[in-house]
Amino acid sequence: MPKMKTHKGASKRFRKTGSGKVVYRKAGQDHFNARESGKTTKNKRRDMVLNKSNPRINVLITNK
């Protein structure tokens, strides 16, 4: 049986930490941010931890 390939789209958006958590960046930081409050803009800069109830991402980025 051939090796399973890494899903390149998922591997560019998600990464695994040393403890095994999957983290990703929030969307909407590129433009049209003048209308948003500073609090919202600041919160978008933080990495988010993926919910463990979504195991499919682990399968897609396993071979990264």
C-alpha atoms as a PDB file:
ATOM      1  CA  MET A   1       0.000   0.000   0.000  1.00  0.00           C
ATOM      2  CA  PRO A   2       1.427   3.433  -0.910  1.00  0.00           C
ATOM      3  CA  LYS A   3       2.244   6.071   1.646  1.00  0.00           C
ATOM      4  CA  MET A   4      -0.424   8.578   2.544  1.00  0.00           C
ATOM      5  CA  LYS A   5       0.359  12.041   1.233  1.00  0.00           C
ATOM      6  CA  THR A   6       0.211  15.201   3.320  1.00  0.00           C
ATOM      7  CA  HIS A   7      -2.630  17.546   2.385  1.00  0.00           C
ATOM      8  CA  LYS A   8      -0.629  20.612   1.326  1.00  0.00           C
ATOM      9  CA  GLY A   9      -3.457  23.093   1.922  1.00  0.00           C
ATOM     10  CA  ALA A  10      -3.929  21.872   5.472  1.00  0.00           C
ATOM     11  CA  SER A  11      -0.197  21.723   6.171  1.00  0.00           C
ATOM     12  CA  LYS A  12       0.147  25.414   5.279  1.00  0.00           C
ATOM     13  CA  ARG A  13      -2.712  26.444   7.585  1.00  0.00           C
ATOM     14  CA  PHE A  14      -2.262  24.183  10.602  1.00  0.00           C
ATOM     15  CA  ARG A  15       0.743  23.061  12.633  1.00  0.00           C
ATOM     16  CA  LYS A  16       1.291  20.766  15.561  1.00  0.00           C
ATOM     17  CA  THR A  17       2.927  21.955  18.754  1.00  0.00           C
ATOM     18  CA  GLY A  18       5.303  19.866  20.810  1.00  0.00           C
ATOM     19  CA  SER A  19       2.494  18.804  23.116  1.00  0.00           C
ATOM     20  CA  GLY A  20       0.366  17.614  20.181  1.00  0.00           C
ATOM     21  CA  LYS A  21      -2.079  20.505  19.968  1.00  0.00           C
ATOM     22  CA  VAL A  22      -3.062  21.770  16.517  1.00  0.00           C
ATOM     23  CA  VAL A  23      -2.845  25.548  16.132  1.00  0.00           C
ATOM     24  CA  TYR A  24      -3.862  27.907  13.340  1.00  0.00           C
ATOM     25  CA  ARG A  25      -4.034  31.636  12.590  1.00  0.00           C
ATOM     26  CA  LYS A  26      -7.276  33.585  12.579  1.00  0.00           C
ATOM     27  CA  ALA A  27      -8.562  34.828   9.235  1.00  0.00           C
ATOM     28  CA  GLY A  28      -9.366  38.426   8.310  1.00  0.00           C
ATOM     29  CA  GLN A  29      -6.120  40.228   9.126  1.00  0.00           C
ATOM     30  CA  ASP A  30      -5.255  41.383   5.632  1.00  0.00           C
ATOM     31  CA  HIS A  31      -7.386  44.414   4.804  1.00  0.00           C
ATOM     32  CA  PHE A  32     -10.620  46.240   5.701  1.00  0.00           C
ATOM     33  CA  ASN A  33      -9.483  46.396   9.316  1.00  0.00           C
ATOM     34  CA  ALA A  34      -9.972  50.118   9.892  1.00  0.00           C
ATOM     35  CA  ARG A  35     -13.625  49.606  10.817  1.00  0.00           C
ATOM     36  CA  GLU A  36     -12.791  47.042  13.497  1.00  0.00           C
ATOM     37  CA  SER A  37     -11.973  47.899  17.060  1.00  0.00           C
ATOM     38  CA  GLY A  38      -8.444  47.592  18.339  1.00  0.00           C
ATOM     39  CA  LYS A  39      -9.538  44.741  20.568  1.00  0.00           C
ATOM     40  CA  THR A  40     -10.750  42.718  17.599  1.00  0.00           C
ATOM     41  CA  THR A  41      -7.593  43.377  15.601  1.00  0.00           C
ATOM     42  CA  LYS A  42      -5.409  42.406  18.536  1.00  0.00           C
ATOM     43  CA  ASN A  43      -7.341  39.183  19.138  1.00  0.00           C
ATOM     44  CA  LYS A  44      -6.848  38.147  15.505  1.00  0.00           C
ATOM     45  CA  ARG A  45      -3.078  38.131  15.973  1.00  0.00           C
ATOM     46  CA  ARG A  46      -3.255  35.294  18.477  1.00  0.00           C
ATOM     47  CA  ASP A  47      -2.852  31.659  17.414  1.00  0.00           C
ATOM     48  CA  MET A  48      -5.955  29.584  18.004  1.00  0.00           C
ATOM     49  CA  VAL A  49      -5.999  25.985  19.243  1.00  0.00           C
ATOM     50  CA  LEU A  50      -8.108  23.632  17.169  1.00  0.00           C
ATOM     51  CA  ASN A  51     -10.925  21.813  18.927  1.00  0.00           C
ATOM     52  CA  LYS A  52     -10.135  18.139  19.600  1.00  0.00           C
ATOM     53  CA  SER A  53     -13.527  17.139  18.235  1.00  0.00           C
ATOM     54  CA  ASN A  54     -12.123  17.652  14.716  1.00  0.00           C
ATOM     55  CA  PRO A  55      -9.789  14.659  14.166  1.00  0.00           C
ATOM     56  CA  ARG A  56      -9.703  14.962  10.364  1.00  0.00           C
ATOM     57  CA  ILE A  57      -7.052  17.704  10.456  1.00  0.00           C
ATOM     58  CA  ASN A  58      -4.696  15.373  12.352  1.00  0.00           C
ATOM     59  CA  VAL A  59      -4.983  12.867   9.517  1.00  0.00           C
ATOM     60  CA  LEU A  60      -4.328  15.512   6.861  1.00  0.00           C
ATOM     61  CA  ILE A  61      -1.168  16.907   8.468  1.00  0.00           C
ATOM     62  CA  THR A  62       0.185  13.662   9.927  1.00  0.00           C
ATOM     63  CA  ASN A  63       2.989  13.270   7.391  1.00  0.00           C
ATOM     64  CA  LYS A  64       4.208  16.855   7.636  1.00  0.00           C
END
